[in-house]
Amino acid sequence: MIKESPFKPDDAAFRQVVPAGDYFLKVVRAGETFRILDLEGNQAADTLFYNADDTAERYSAQDTVREQGNVYLTAGSVLRSNRNRPMLEITADTCGRHDTLGGACATESNTVRYDLKKRCMHACRDSWMLAINEHEEYGLDKRDIAHNINFFMNVPVTAEGGLTFADGISAPGKYVEMKALMNTLVLISNCPQLNNPCNGYDPTPIEVLIWH
């Protein structure tokens, strides 16, 4: 569902451009609204969410899909935790659909999907591991890399129940906006994938904005 936001970028309390292949890690406080902006179009933002006060509680794809009865996310979707508590609500969305099932690229999937020589190429799981190693204050480790959302990514489910990594449906300036319902640690890998035609083989920056 397409829904515009009333928030203006110039009024944001925080803004940060995240280059392709880089990560974003920050706590968004309960009641704050944050936006992920697709600056140049068809860029995937692979995102993990944790309860900032107890990181054992984190976004759960199963609970979210079950409770909303839909595998796709858009305006009105409530992202739920592994304790089946609401973490965030998507309050605005100009893209229209976001993926909960496709997972994140890794060196292993690069090998399986593309070629053995692609194994060494940077991947989202590498970005997440770098983030948690450079920010030990959050107490995360490899076991905490669980379900993620692929914002702006188009992964249709086939009639046979398979997944198709299709051409992107986003465009320059499209965004998704969420209100935090608890203090939420947001970890984004701005996908560095060079082998998938979804982004035209051209990873690009995103911007994160936060309003108090």
Protein backbone atom coordinates (compact mmCIF):
# COMPACT_ATOMS: atom_id res chain seq x y z
CA MET A 1 0.00 0.00 0.00
CA ILE A 2 1.42 3.34 -1.04
CA LYS A 3 1.25 5.93 1.73
CA GLU A 4 3.12 9.24 1.83
CA SER A 5 4.74 10.56 5.00
CA PRO A 6 3.93 13.91 6.63
CA PHE A 7 7.56 14.26 7.80
CA LYS A 8 9.91 16.65 6.00
CA PRO A 9 13.59 15.79 5.56
CA ASP A 10 14.69 19.25 6.68
CA ASP A 11 12.97 18.66 10.03
CA ALA A 12 14.80 15.40 10.74
CA ALA A 13 16.88 15.30 13.92
CA PHE A 14 19.32 12.85 12.33
CA ARG A 15 20.42 12.13 8.77
CA GLN A 16 23.12 9.78 7.50
CA VAL A 17 23.97 8.59 4.00
CA VAL A 18 25.10 4.95 3.99
CA PRO A 19 27.30 4.01 1.01
CA ALA A 20 26.71 0.73 -0.81
CA GLY A 21 28.51 -2.06 1.03
CA ASP A 22 28.58 -0.15 4.33
CA TYR A 23 26.51 -0.70 7.47
CA PHE A 24 24.29 1.41 9.71
CA LEU A 25 23.90 0.69 13.43
CA LYS A 26 21.91 2.91 15.79
CA VAL A 27 19.26 2.79 18.51
CA VAL A 28 15.91 4.31 17.57
CA ARG A 29 13.95 5.21 20.69
CA ALA A 30 10.32 4.25 21.28
CA GLY A 31 8.08 6.86 19.68
CA GLU A 32 10.69 8.00 17.15
CA THR A 33 10.14 7.60 13.41
CA PHE A 34 12.89 6.63 11.03
CA ARG A 35 13.03 6.45 7.26
CA ILE A 36 15.15 4.38 4.89
CA LEU A 37 15.45 6.33 1.64
CA ASP A 38 16.42 4.63 -1.63
CA LEU A 39 18.47 7.45 -3.12
CA GLU A 40 19.13 6.08 -6.61
CA GLY A 41 16.59 3.26 -6.92
CA ASN A 42 16.43 -0.56 -6.64
CA GLN A 43 18.93 -0.78 -3.80
CA ALA A 44 18.35 -3.47 -1.15
CA ALA A 45 18.64 -2.52 2.53
CA ASP A 46 19.08 -5.78 4.45
CA THR A 47 17.91 -4.95 7.97
CA LEU A 48 17.93 -6.58 11.40
CA PHE A 49 16.04 -5.29 14.45
CA TYR A 50 16.69 -5.96 18.15
CA ASN A 51 15.11 -4.83 21.40
CA ALA A 52 17.78 -2.33 22.46
CA ASP A 53 17.13 -3.14 26.14
CA ASP A 54 17.33 -6.93 25.68
CA THR A 55 18.88 -8.04 22.40
CA ALA A 56 17.72 -11.64 22.94
CA GLU A 57 14.43 -10.25 21.66
CA ARG A 58 14.62 -9.49 17.95
CA TYR A 59 12.56 -9.26 14.75
CA SER A 60 10.89 -12.54 13.83
CA ALA A 61 9.80 -13.25 10.27
CA GLN A 62 7.57 -16.13 11.40
CA ASP A 63 5.65 -14.11 13.98
CA THR A 64 5.32 -11.12 11.65
CA VAL A 65 4.09 -13.13 8.65
CA ARG A 66 1.71 -15.23 10.75
CA GLU A 67 0.10 -12.30 12.56
CA GLN A 68 -0.40 -10.15 9.47
CA GLY A 69 -1.28 -13.03 7.13
CA ASN A 70 1.00 -11.71 4.41
CA VAL A 71 4.59 -12.45 3.42
CA TYR A 72 5.14 -8.91 2.13
CA LEU A 73 5.51 -5.73 4.16
CA THR A 74 4.09 -2.29 3.43
CA ALA A 75 2.32 0.62 5.16
CA GLY A 76 0.29 -0.73 8.07
CA SER A 77 2.49 -3.77 8.66
CA VAL A 78 3.56 -4.36 12.26
CA LEU A 79 6.97 -5.96 12.71
CA ARG A 80 6.86 -8.44 15.56
CA SER A 81 9.55 -9.95 17.75
CA ASN A 82 10.38 -13.57 18.59
CA ARG A 83 8.29 -12.97 21.72
CA ASN A 84 5.40 -11.96 19.45
CA ARG A 85 5.48 -8.37 20.64
CA PRO A 86 5.13 -5.39 18.28
CA MET A 87 8.51 -3.76 17.64
CA LEU A 88 7.82 -1.29 14.83
CA GLU A 89 4.98 -0.20 12.59
CA ILE A 90 5.45 0.80 8.96
CA THR A 91 3.69 4.16 8.89
CA ALA A 92 4.60 5.28 5.37
CA ASP A 93 5.79 3.51 2.24
CA THR A 94 6.22 4.82 -1.30
CA CYS A 95 7.68 1.58 -2.68
CA GLY A 96 4.71 -0.64 -1.87
CA ARG A 97 6.24 -4.00 -0.98
CA HIS A 98 9.25 -5.37 0.89
CA ASP A 99 10.64 -8.89 1.22
CA THR A 100 10.60 -11.03 4.38
CA LEU A 101 11.74 -14.36 2.89
CA GLY A 102 14.76 -13.96 0.62
CA GLY A 103 17.38 -13.67 3.35
CA ALA A 104 20.71 -11.92 2.99
CA CYS A 105 23.62 -12.53 0.66
CA ALA A 106 26.59 -14.38 2.13
CA THR A 107 29.84 -15.78 0.80
CA GLU A 108 28.19 -19.21 0.77
CA SER A 109 25.15 -18.07 -1.21
CA ASN A 110 27.38 -16.16 -3.61
CA THR A 111 29.11 -19.46 -4.34
CA VAL A 112 25.85 -21.44 -4.76
CA ARG A 113 23.96 -18.84 -6.80
CA TYR A 114 26.73 -17.46 -8.94
CA ASP A 115 30.18 -19.08 -9.07
CA LEU A 116 32.95 -20.44 -6.85
CA LYS A 117 35.12 -17.45 -7.73
CA LYS A 118 32.38 -15.15 -6.36
CA ARG A 119 32.81 -16.57 -2.83
CA CYS A 120 35.32 -13.93 -1.80
CA MET A 121 33.05 -11.03 -2.81
CA HIS A 122 31.69 -8.87 0.00
CA ALA A 123 28.21 -9.76 1.27
CA CYS A 124 25.60 -8.47 3.73
CA ARG A 125 26.49 -11.02 6.38
CA ASP A 126 30.06 -9.73 6.27
CA SER A 127 28.77 -6.19 6.89
CA TRP A 128 26.71 -7.34 9.88
CA MET A 129 29.66 -9.23 11.34
CA LEU A 130 31.88 -6.18 10.91
CA ALA A 131 29.28 -4.00 12.63
CA ILE A 132 28.91 -6.21 15.70
CA ASN A 133 32.68 -6.62 15.99
CA GLU A 134 33.28 -2.87 15.77
CA HIS A 135 30.51 -2.19 18.33
CA GLU A 136 31.03 -4.66 21.15
CA GLU A 137 29.00 -2.40 23.46
CA TYR A 138 25.80 -3.96 22.12
CA GLY A 139 26.83 -7.48 23.16
CA LEU A 140 25.90 -9.11 19.84
CA ASP A 141 27.70 -12.05 18.27
CA LYS A 142 27.32 -14.33 15.25
CA ARG A 143 24.44 -16.23 16.87
CA ASP A 144 22.40 -13.01 16.87
CA ILE A 145 22.36 -12.77 13.07
CA ALA A 146 18.84 -14.06 12.50
CA HIS A 147 15.86 -13.08 10.32
CA ASN A 148 16.22 -9.95 8.23
CA ILE A 149 14.00 -7.79 6.07
CA ASN A 150 15.09 -6.85 2.54
CA PHE A 151 13.64 -3.39 2.19
CA PHE A 152 13.01 -2.39 -1.45
CA MET A 153 13.74 -5.92 -2.71
CA ASN A 154 11.23 -7.71 -4.96
CA VAL A 155 11.09 -11.46 -4.20
CA PRO A 156 7.78 -12.87 -5.51
CA VAL A 157 6.58 -16.26 -4.27
CA THR A 158 5.80 -18.60 -7.18
CA ALA A 159 2.67 -20.75 -7.44
CA GLU A 160 4.85 -23.75 -6.55
CA GLY A 161 6.06 -22.06 -3.35
CA GLY A 162 9.51 -21.06 -4.59
CA LEU A 163 11.15 -17.65 -4.54
CA THR A 164 12.05 -15.50 -7.53
CA PHE A 165 14.60 -12.69 -7.23
CA ALA A 166 12.90 -10.34 -9.68
CA ASP A 167 13.63 -6.88 -11.01
CA GLY A 168 13.28 -4.15 -8.42
CA ILE A 169 10.08 -2.14 -8.04
CA SER A 170 11.68 0.78 -6.24
CA ALA A 171 13.00 3.99 -7.82
CA PRO A 172 15.07 7.04 -6.86
CA GLY A 173 13.50 8.81 -3.88
CA LYS A 174 11.28 5.93 -2.75
CA TYR A 175 11.25 5.31 0.99
CA VAL A 176 9.87 3.21 3.82
CA GLU A 177 9.19 4.77 7.21
CA MET A 178 8.70 3.12 10.60
CA LYS A 179 7.66 4.17 14.08
CA ALA A 180 9.54 2.40 16.87
CA LEU A 181 7.17 0.80 19.40
CA MET A 182 10.07 -0.11 21.72
CA ASN A 183 13.68 1.03 21.96
CA THR A 184 15.02 -0.66 18.85
CA LEU A 185 18.57 -1.35 17.72
CA VAL A 186 18.60 -1.05 13.92
CA LEU A 187 21.34 -2.82 11.96
CA ILE A 188 21.34 -2.29 8.19
CA SER A 189 23.66 -3.73 5.58
CA ASN A 190 23.36 -1.59 2.48
CA CYS A 191 23.73 -4.51 0.11
CA PRO A 192 27.02 -4.69 -1.84
CA GLN A 193 25.79 -7.42 -4.22
CA LEU A 194 27.32 -7.09 -7.70
CA ASN A 195 25.97 -10.34 -9.18
CA ASN A 196 22.21 -9.85 -8.96
CA PRO A 197 20.36 -8.02 -11.76
CA CYS A 198 17.78 -6.70 -9.23
CA ASN A 199 19.93 -3.61 -8.72
CA GLY A 200 21.25 -3.46 -12.28
CA TYR A 201 24.61 -4.80 -11.01
CA ASP A 202 25.15 -1.37 -9.45
CA PRO A 203 24.88 -1.05 -5.64
CA THR A 204 24.05 2.53 -4.59
CA PRO A 205 23.73 4.59 -1.37
CA ILE A 206 20.74 4.87 0.93
CA GLU A 207 19.95 7.53 3.51
CA VAL A 208 18.58 7.06 7.03
CA LEU A 209 16.56 9.85 8.65
CA ILE A 210 15.13 10.02 12.19
CA TRP A 211 12.47 12.32 13.65
CA HIS A 212 11.97 12.64 17.42
